[in-house]
Amino acid sequence: MTRVDEIVEHYPDDSFLTADGFDEAIIGVDESSMRLIYSVTKCLEILQAQGMDETDALEYFSYNVSGAYMGDKTPIWCSDNMFQI
């Protein structure tokens, strides 16, 4: 069962907007807006696993993924790499 399937099962009366190809980067749900929360770090790792270098992954993600507004259900992008030791 994927993370999206688990979330849909847990919240059967709600609908969620997903970012194609980034299901493994989902880290939670904002229950006040019922939007999915994605780890930016995990999204970048997914892009790099597809063959992009770090710079290309960040540019692609910023322009094509996190920069896209898709309405009230636009996912939340958690910048979870700010305080790495």
PDB file of N, CA and C in Angstrom:
ATOM      1  N   MET A   1       0.851  -1.181   0.000  1.00  0.00           N
ATOM      2  CA  MET A   1       0.000   0.000   0.000  1.00  0.00           C
ATOM      3  C   MET A   1       0.896   1.244   0.000  1.00  0.00           C
ATOM      4  N   THR A   2       0.601   2.185  -0.883  1.00  0.00           N
ATOM      5  CA  THR A   2       1.394   3.409  -0.967  1.00  0.00           C
ATOM      6  C   THR A   2       0.967   4.395   0.113  1.00  0.00           C
ATOM      7  N   ARG A   3       1.764   5.416   0.306  1.00  0.00           N
ATOM      8  CA  ARG A   3       1.418   6.449   1.287  1.00  0.00           C
ATOM      9  C   ARG A   3       0.119   7.141   0.923  1.00  0.00           C
ATOM     10  N   VAL A   4      -0.083   7.380  -0.366  1.00  0.00           N
ATOM     11  CA  VAL A   4      -1.324   8.016  -0.802  1.00  0.00           C
ATOM     12  C   VAL A   4      -2.511   7.122  -0.468  1.00  0.00           C
ATOM     13  N   ASP A   5      -2.384   5.815  -0.714  1.00  0.00           N
ATOM     14  CA  ASP A   5      -3.459   4.884  -0.383  1.00  0.00           C
ATOM     15  C   ASP A   5      -3.769   4.905   1.114  1.00  0.00           C
ATOM     16  N   GLU A   6      -2.728   4.944   1.939  1.00  0.00           N
ATOM     17  CA  GLU A   6      -2.912   4.980   3.392  1.00  0.00           C
ATOM     18  C   GLU A   6      -3.643   6.250   3.818  1.00  0.00           C
ATOM     19  N   ILE A   7      -3.270   7.371   3.217  1.00  0.00           N
ATOM     20  CA  ILE A   7      -3.908   8.641   3.565  1.00  0.00           C
ATOM     21  C   ILE A   7      -5.364   8.645   3.128  1.00  0.00           C
ATOM     22  N   VAL A   8      -5.628   8.177   1.913  1.00  0.00           N
ATOM     23  CA  VAL A   8      -7.008   8.112   1.420  1.00  0.00           C
ATOM     24  C   VAL A   8      -7.847   7.200   2.313  1.00  0.00           C
ATOM     25  N   GLU A   9      -7.255   6.110   2.756  1.00  0.00           N
ATOM     26  CA  GLU A   9      -7.975   5.189   3.647  1.00  0.00           C
ATOM     27  C   GLU A   9      -8.264   5.854   4.995  1.00  0.00           C
ATOM     28  N   HIS A  10      -7.329   6.647   5.483  1.00  0.00           N
ATOM     29  CA  HIS A  10      -7.485   7.318   6.777  1.00  0.00           C
ATOM     30  C   HIS A  10      -8.458   8.496   6.700  1.00  0.00           C
ATOM     31  N   TYR A  11      -8.530   9.133   5.538  1.00  0.00           N
ATOM     32  CA  TYR A  11      -9.411  10.294   5.325  1.00  0.00           C
ATOM     33  C   TYR A  11     -10.339  10.012   4.142  1.00  0.00           C
ATOM     34  N   PRO A  12     -11.265   9.068   4.276  1.00  0.00           N
ATOM     35  CA  PRO A  12     -12.080   8.640   3.133  1.00  0.00           C
ATOM     36  C   PRO A  12     -13.027   9.710   2.575  1.00  0.00           C
ATOM     37  N   ASP A  13     -13.354  10.720   3.366  1.00  0.00           N
ATOM     38  CA  ASP A  13     -14.302  11.741   2.921  1.00  0.00           C
ATOM     39  C   ASP A  13     -13.632  12.960   2.298  1.00  0.00           C
ATOM     40  N   ASP A  14     -12.308  12.923   2.196  1.00  0.00           N
ATOM     41  CA  ASP A  14     -11.570  14.068   1.676  1.00  0.00           C
ATOM     42  C   ASP A  14     -10.851  13.702   0.385  1.00  0.00           C
ATOM     43  N   SER A  15     -10.557  14.720  -0.416  1.00  0.00           N
ATOM     44  CA  SER A  15      -9.779  14.499  -1.637  1.00  0.00           C
ATOM     45  C   SER A  15      -8.463  15.256  -1.504  1.00  0.00           C
ATOM     46  N   PHE A  16      -7.442  14.709  -2.127  1.00  0.00           N
ATOM     47  CA  PHE A  16      -6.110  15.289  -2.033  1.00  0.00           C
ATOM     48  C   PHE A  16      -5.528  15.460  -3.426  1.00  0.00           C
ATOM     49  N   LEU A  17      -4.770  16.517  -3.589  1.00  0.00           N
ATOM     50  CA  LEU A  17      -4.047  16.754  -4.826  1.00  0.00           C
ATOM     51  C   LEU A  17      -2.629  16.243  -4.622  1.00  0.00           C
ATOM     52  N   THR A  18      -2.184  15.354  -5.505  1.00  0.00           N
ATOM     53  CA  THR A  18      -0.851  14.776  -5.378  1.00  0.00           C
ATOM     54  C   THR A  18       0.087  15.343  -6.423  1.00  0.00           C
ATOM     55  N   ALA A  19       1.367  15.276  -6.106  1.00  0.00           N
ATOM     56  CA  ALA A  19       2.411  15.672  -7.056  1.00  0.00           C
ATOM     57  C   ALA A  19       2.907  14.389  -7.712  1.00  0.00           C
ATOM     58  N   ASP A  20       2.683  14.259  -9.011  1.00  0.00           N
ATOM     59  CA  ASP A  20       3.042  13.035  -9.727  1.00  0.00           C
ATOM     60  C   ASP A  20       4.515  12.674  -9.550  1.00  0.00           C
ATOM     61  N   GLY A  21       4.744  11.424  -9.159  1.00  0.00           N
ATOM     62  CA  GLY A  21       6.100  10.915  -9.038  1.00  0.00           C
ATOM     63  C   GLY A  21       6.754  11.154  -7.693  1.00  0.00           C
ATOM     64  N   PHE A  22       6.050  11.789  -6.782  1.00  0.00           N
ATOM     65  CA  PHE A  22       6.652  12.123  -5.495  1.00  0.00           C
ATOM     66  C   PHE A  22       5.928  11.504  -4.302  1.00  0.00           C
ATOM     67  N   ASP A  23       5.215  10.410  -4.514  1.00  0.00           N
ATOM     68  CA  ASP A  23       4.472   9.779  -3.423  1.00  0.00           C
ATOM     69  C   ASP A  23       5.363   9.418  -2.239  1.00  0.00           C
ATOM     70  N   GLU A  24       6.585   8.986  -2.506  1.00  0.00           N
ATOM     71  CA  GLU A  24       7.489   8.590  -1.427  1.00  0.00           C
ATOM     72  C   GLU A  24       8.002   9.788  -0.621  1.00  0.00           C
ATOM     73  N   ALA A  25       7.727  10.993  -1.080  1.00  0.00           N
ATOM     74  CA  ALA A  25       8.172  12.194  -0.370  1.00  0.00           C
ATOM     75  C   ALA A  25       7.086  12.759   0.546  1.00  0.00           C
ATOM     76  N   ILE A  26       5.917  12.125   0.580  1.00  0.00           N
ATOM     77  CA  ILE A  26       4.834  12.596   1.447  1.00  0.00           C
ATOM     78  C   ILE A  26       5.212  12.313   2.897  1.00  0.00           C
ATOM     79  N   ILE A  27       5.119  13.370   3.724  1.00  0.00           N
ATOM     80  CA  ILE A  27       5.450  13.205   5.137  1.00  0.00           C
ATOM     81  C   ILE A  27       4.260  13.476   6.057  1.00  0.00           C
ATOM     82  N   GLY A  28       3.129  13.873   5.497  1.00  0.00           N
ATOM     83  CA  GLY A  28       1.978  14.101   6.353  1.00  0.00           C
ATOM     84  C   GLY A  28       0.842  14.811   5.659  1.00  0.00           C
ATOM     85  N   VAL A  29      -0.135  15.203   6.483  1.00  0.00           N
ATOM     86  CA  VAL A  29      -1.334  15.900   6.022  1.00  0.00           C
ATOM     87  C   VAL A  29      -1.564  17.092   6.942  1.00  0.00           C
ATOM     88  N   ASP A  30      -1.833  18.248   6.352  1.00  0.00           N
ATOM     89  CA  ASP A  30      -2.247  19.405   7.133  1.00  0.00           C
ATOM     90  C   ASP A  30      -3.753  19.286   7.309  1.00  0.00           C
ATOM     91  N   GLU A  31      -4.184  18.934   8.499  1.00  0.00           N
ATOM     92  CA  GLU A  31      -5.608  18.668   8.717  1.00  0.00           C
ATOM     93  C   GLU A  31      -6.469  19.923   8.693  1.00  0.00           C
ATOM     94  N   SER A  32      -5.876  21.101   8.853  1.00  0.00           N
ATOM     95  CA  SER A  32      -6.688  22.319   8.795  1.00  0.00           C
ATOM     96  C   SER A  32      -7.094  22.659   7.365  1.00  0.00           C
ATOM     97  N   SER A  33      -6.251  22.289   6.389  1.00  0.00           N
ATOM     98  CA  SER A  33      -6.575  22.573   4.990  1.00  0.00           C
ATOM     99  C   SER A  33      -6.756  21.302   4.160  1.00  0.00           C
ATOM    100  N   MET A  34      -6.479  20.157   4.766  1.00  0.00           N
ATOM    101  CA  MET A  34      -6.541  18.845   4.108  1.00  0.00           C
ATOM    102  C   MET A  34      -5.676  18.839   2.840  1.00  0.00           C
ATOM    103  N   ARG A  35      -4.439  19.306   3.024  1.00  0.00           N
ATOM    104  CA  ARG A  35      -3.458  19.269   1.938  1.00  0.00           C
ATOM    105  C   ARG A  35      -2.317  18.347   2.341  1.00  0.00           C
ATOM    106  N   LEU A  36      -1.739  17.689   1.352  1.00  0.00           N
ATOM    107  CA  LEU A  36      -0.595  16.829   1.597  1.00  0.00           C
ATOM    108  C   LEU A  36       0.641  17.667   1.860  1.00  0.00           C
ATOM    109  N   ILE A  37       1.522  17.146   2.704  1.00  0.00           N
ATOM    110  CA  ILE A  37       2.795  17.798   3.002  1.00  0.00           C
ATOM    111  C   ILE A  37       3.900  16.913   2.450  1.00  0.00           C
ATOM    112  N   TYR A  38       4.772  17.524   1.657  1.00  0.00           N
ATOM    113  CA  TYR A  38       5.887  16.814   1.030  1.00  0.00           C
ATOM    114  C   TYR A  38       7.213  17.312   1.592  1.00  0.00           C
ATOM    115  N   SER A  39       8.163  16.426   1.744  1.00  0.00           N
ATOM    116  CA  SER A  39       9.526  16.766   2.128  1.00  0.00           C
ATOM    117  C   SER A  39      10.273  17.239   0.882  1.00  0.00           C
ATOM    118  N   VAL A  40      10.777  18.469   0.930  1.00  0.00           N
ATOM    119  CA  VAL A  40      11.561  18.982  -0.196  1.00  0.00           C
ATOM    120  C   VAL A  40      12.815  18.131  -0.374  1.00  0.00           C
ATOM    121  N   THR A  41      13.458  17.767   0.720  1.00  0.00           N
ATOM    122  CA  THR A  41      14.660  16.934   0.651  1.00  0.00           C
ATOM    123  C   THR A  41      14.388  15.629  -0.078  1.00  0.00           C
ATOM    124  N   LYS A  42      13.297  14.973   0.267  1.00  0.00           N
ATOM    125  CA  LYS A  42      12.955  13.705  -0.385  1.00  0.00           C
ATOM    126  C   LYS A  42      12.600  13.912  -1.853  1.00  0.00           C
ATOM    127  N   CYS A  43      11.936  15.005  -2.182  1.00  0.00           N
ATOM    128  CA  CYS A  43      11.620  15.292  -3.582  1.00  0.00           C
ATOM    129  C   CYS A  43      12.902  15.458  -4.392  1.00  0.00           C
ATOM    130  N   LEU A  44      13.855  16.175  -3.834  1.00  0.00           N
ATOM    131  CA  LEU A  44      15.125  16.380  -4.541  1.00  0.00           C
ATOM    132  C   LEU A  44      15.874  15.061  -4.691  1.00  0.00           C
ATOM    133  N   GLU A  45      15.812  14.208  -3.676  1.00  0.00           N
ATOM    134  CA  GLU A  45      16.442  12.888  -3.770  1.00  0.00           C
ATOM    135  C   GLU A  45      15.804  12.051  -4.880  1.00  0.00           C
ATOM    136  N   ILE A  46      14.505  12.140  -5.024  1.00  0.00           N
ATOM    137  CA  ILE A  46      13.795  11.407  -6.081  1.00  0.00           C
ATOM    138  C   ILE A  46      14.273  11.890  -7.454  1.00  0.00           C
ATOM    139  N   LEU A  47      14.370  13.197  -7.625  1.00  0.00           N
ATOM    140  CA  LEU A  47      14.827  13.739  -8.902  1.00  0.00           C
ATOM    141  C   LEU A  47      16.274  13.335  -9.197  1.00  0.00           C
ATOM    142  N   GLN A  48      17.108  13.331  -8.179  1.00  0.00           N
ATOM    143  CA  GLN A  48      18.499  12.932  -8.371  1.00  0.00           C
ATOM    144  C   GLN A  48      18.594  11.447  -8.697  1.00  0.00           C
ATOM    145  N   ALA A  49      17.725  10.641  -8.124  1.00  0.00           N
ATOM    146  CA  ALA A  49      17.705   9.205  -8.435  1.00  0.00           C
ATOM    147  C   ALA A  49      17.287   8.963  -9.887  1.00  0.00           C
ATOM    148  N   GLN A  50      16.599   9.935 -10.480  1.00  0.00           N
ATOM    149  CA  GLN A  50      16.197   9.838 -11.881  1.00  0.00           C
ATOM    150  C   GLN A  50      17.286  10.333 -12.820  1.00  0.00           C
ATOM    151  N   GLY A  51      18.433  10.757 -12.256  1.00  0.00           N
ATOM    152  CA  GLY A  51      19.560  11.130 -13.082  1.00  0.00           C
ATOM    153  C   GLY A  51      19.933  12.601 -13.094  1.00  0.00           C
ATOM    154  N   MET A  52      19.208  13.430 -12.381  1.00  0.00           N
ATOM    155  CA  MET A  52      19.556  14.852 -12.346  1.00  0.00           C
ATOM    156  C   MET A  52      20.660  15.080 -11.325  1.00  0.00           C
ATOM    157  N   ASP A  53      21.529  16.073 -11.604  1.00  0.00           N
ATOM    158  CA  ASP A  53      22.485  16.446 -10.571  1.00  0.00           C
ATOM    159  C   ASP A  53      21.774  17.380  -9.590  1.00  0.00           C
ATOM    160  N   GLU A  54      22.444  17.730  -8.509  1.00  0.00           N
ATOM    161  CA  GLU A  54      21.813  18.505  -7.442  1.00  0.00           C
ATOM    162  C   GLU A  54      21.277  19.849  -7.940  1.00  0.00           C
ATOM    163  N   THR A  55      22.044  20.530  -8.758  1.00  0.00           N
ATOM    164  CA  THR A  55      21.628  21.839  -9.272  1.00  0.00           C
ATOM    165  C   THR A  55      20.412  21.719 -10.184  1.00  0.00           C
ATOM    166  N   ASP A  56      20.441  20.765 -11.105  1.00  0.00           N
ATOM    167  CA  ASP A  56      19.311  20.570 -12.015  1.00  0.00           C
ATOM    168  C   ASP A  56      18.061  20.150 -11.258  1.00  0.00           C
ATOM    169  N   ALA A  57      18.228  19.294 -10.246  1.00  0.00           N
ATOM    170  CA  ALA A  57      17.086  18.845  -9.453  1.00  0.00           C
ATOM    171  C   ALA A  57      16.441  20.021  -8.729  1.00  0.00           C
ATOM    172  N   LEU A  58      17.261  20.874  -8.131  1.00  0.00           N
ATOM    173  CA  LEU A  58      16.732  22.026  -7.411  1.00  0.00           C
ATOM    174  C   LEU A  58      16.034  22.993  -8.359  1.00  0.00           C
ATOM    175  N   GLU A  59      16.625  23.233  -9.514  1.00  0.00           N
ATOM    176  CA  GLU A  59      16.014  24.131 -10.496  1.00  0.00           C
ATOM    177  C   GLU A  59      14.689  23.563 -11.011  1.00  0.00           C
ATOM    178  N   TYR A  60      14.689  22.283 -11.366  1.00  0.00           N
ATOM    179  CA  TYR A  60      13.477  21.637 -11.861  1.00  0.00           C
ATOM    180  C   TYR A  60      12.382  21.678 -10.795  1.00  0.00           C
ATOM    181  N   PHE A  61      12.746  21.304  -9.573  1.00  0.00           N
ATOM    182  CA  PHE A  61      11.769  21.277  -8.488  1.00  0.00           C
ATOM    183  C   PHE A  61      11.188  22.668  -8.237  1.00  0.00           C
ATOM    184  N   SER A  62      12.050  23.668  -8.165  1.00  0.00           N
ATOM    185  CA  SER A  62      11.597  25.032  -7.871  1.00  0.00           C
ATOM    186  C   SER A  62      10.664  25.574  -8.944  1.00  0.00           C
ATOM    187  N   TYR A  63      10.982  25.313 -10.187  1.00  0.00           N
ATOM    188  CA  TYR A  63      10.195  25.871 -11.286  1.00  0.00           C
ATOM    189  C   TYR A  63       8.956  25.033 -11.606  1.00  0.00           C
ATOM    190  N   ASN A  64       9.112  23.722 -11.700  1.00  0.00           N
ATOM    191  CA  ASN A  64       8.040  22.855 -12.198  1.00  0.00           C
ATOM    192  C   ASN A  64       7.168  22.208 -11.132  1.00  0.00           C
ATOM    193  N   VAL A  65       7.666  22.131  -9.918  1.00  0.00           N
ATOM    194  CA  VAL A  65       6.912  21.415  -8.885  1.00  0.00           C
ATOM    195  C   VAL A  65       6.416  22.388  -7.817  1.00  0.00           C
ATOM    196  N   SER A  66       7.306  22.898  -7.007  1.00  0.00           N
ATOM    197  CA  SER A  66       6.874  23.764  -5.904  1.00  0.00           C
ATOM    198  C   SER A  66       6.370  25.118  -6.386  1.00  0.00           C
ATOM    199  N   GLY A  67       6.788  25.528  -7.571  1.00  0.00           N
ATOM    200  CA  GLY A  67       6.360  26.818  -8.110  1.00  0.00           C
ATOM    201  C   GLY A  67       5.001  26.790  -8.782  1.00  0.00           C
ATOM    202  N   ALA A  68       4.400  25.620  -8.877  1.00  0.00           N
ATOM    203  CA  ALA A  68       3.110  25.491  -9.563  1.00  0.00           C
ATOM    204  C   ALA A  68       1.962  25.619  -8.557  1.00  0.00           C
ATOM    205  N   TYR A  69       1.107  26.610  -8.757  1.00  0.00           N
ATOM    206  CA  TYR A  69      -0.088  26.752  -7.924  1.00  0.00           C
ATOM    207  C   TYR A  69      -1.233  26.010  -8.606  1.00  0.00           C
ATOM    208  N   MET A  70      -1.868  25.107  -7.856  1.00  0.00           N
ATOM    209  CA  MET A  70      -2.929  24.280  -8.423  1.00  0.00           C
ATOM    210  C   MET A  70      -4.242  24.443  -7.679  1.00  0.00           C
ATOM    211  N   GLY A  71      -4.434  25.575  -7.066  1.00  0.00           N
ATOM    212  CA  GLY A  71      -5.685  25.829  -6.359  1.00  0.00           C
ATOM    213  C   GLY A  71      -5.559  25.576  -4.863  1.00  0.00           C
ATOM    214  N   ASP A  72      -6.715  25.511  -4.213  1.00  0.00           N
ATOM    215  CA  ASP A  72      -6.770  25.377  -2.756  1.00  0.00           C
ATOM    216  C   ASP A  72      -6.101  24.114  -2.217  1.00  0.00           C
ATOM    217  N   LYS A  73      -5.994  23.107  -3.019  1.00  0.00           N
ATOM    218  CA  LYS A  73      -5.413  21.839  -2.566  1.00  0.00           C
ATOM    219  C   LYS A  73      -3.943  21.680  -2.954  1.00  0.00           C
ATOM    220  N   THR A  74      -3.306  22.779  -3.408  1.00  0.00           N
ATOM    221  CA  THR A  74      -1.883  22.723  -3.744  1.00  0.00           C
ATOM    222  C   THR A  74      -1.124  22.158  -2.549  1.00  0.00           C
ATOM    223  N   PRO A  75      -0.275  21.172  -2.770  1.00  0.00           N
ATOM    224  CA  PRO A  75       0.471  20.582  -1.654  1.00  0.00           C
ATOM    225  C   PRO A  75       1.343  21.606  -0.921  1.00  0.00           C
ATOM    226  N   ILE A  76       1.702  21.256   0.288  1.00  0.00           N
ATOM    227  CA  ILE A  76       2.607  22.050   1.111  1.00  0.00           C
ATOM    228  C   ILE A  76       4.000  21.452   0.957  1.00  0.00           C
ATOM    229  N   TRP A  77       4.981  22.295   0.725  1.00  0.00           N
ATOM    230  CA  TRP A  77       6.366  21.853   0.541  1.00  0.00           C
ATOM    231  C   TRP A  77       7.149  22.198   1.791  1.00  0.00           C
ATOM    232  N   CYS A  78       7.550  21.194   2.550  1.00  0.00           N
ATOM    233  CA  CYS A  78       8.267  21.380   3.802  1.00  0.00           C
ATOM    234  C   CYS A  78       9.767  21.445   3.547  1.00  0.00           C
ATOM    235  N   SER A  79      10.353  22.599   3.808  1.00  0.00           N
ATOM    236  CA  SER A  79      11.804  22.761   3.676  1.00  0.00           C
ATOM    237  C   SER A  79      12.453  22.155   4.917  1.00  0.00           C
ATOM    238  N   ASP A  80      12.698  20.881   4.845  1.00  0.00           N
ATOM    239  CA  ASP A  80      13.145  20.118   6.013  1.00  0.00           C
ATOM    240  C   ASP A  80      14.645  19.909   6.074  1.00  0.00           C
ATOM    241  N   ASN A  81      15.405  20.646   5.286  1.00  0.00           N
ATOM    242  CA  ASN A  81      16.847  20.485   5.287  1.00  0.00           C
ATOM    243  C   ASN A  81      17.580  21.723   5.803  1.00  0.00           C
ATOM    244  N   MET A  82      16.877  22.627   6.424  1.00  0.00           N
ATOM    245  CA  MET A  82      17.469  23.896   6.825  1.00  0.00           C
ATOM    246  C   MET A  82      18.428  23.775   8.003  1.00  0.00           C
ATOM    247  N   PHE A  83      18.251  22.776   8.838  1.00  0.00           N
ATOM    248  CA  PHE A  83      19.019  22.702  10.077  1.00  0.00           C
ATOM    249  C   PHE A  83      19.819  21.418  10.170  1.00  0.00           C
ATOM    250  N   GLN A  84      20.329  20.933   9.067  1.00  0.00           N
ATOM    251  CA  GLN A  84      21.128  19.714   9.073  1.00  0.00           C
ATOM    252  C   GLN A  84      22.479  19.999   9.714  1.00  0.00           C
ATOM    253  N   ILE A  85      22.926  19.045  10.484  1.00  0.00           N
ATOM    254  CA  ILE A  85      24.232  19.165  11.166  1.00  0.00           C
ATOM    255  C   ILE A  85      25.289  18.477  10.338  1.00  0.00           C
TER     256      ILE A  85
END
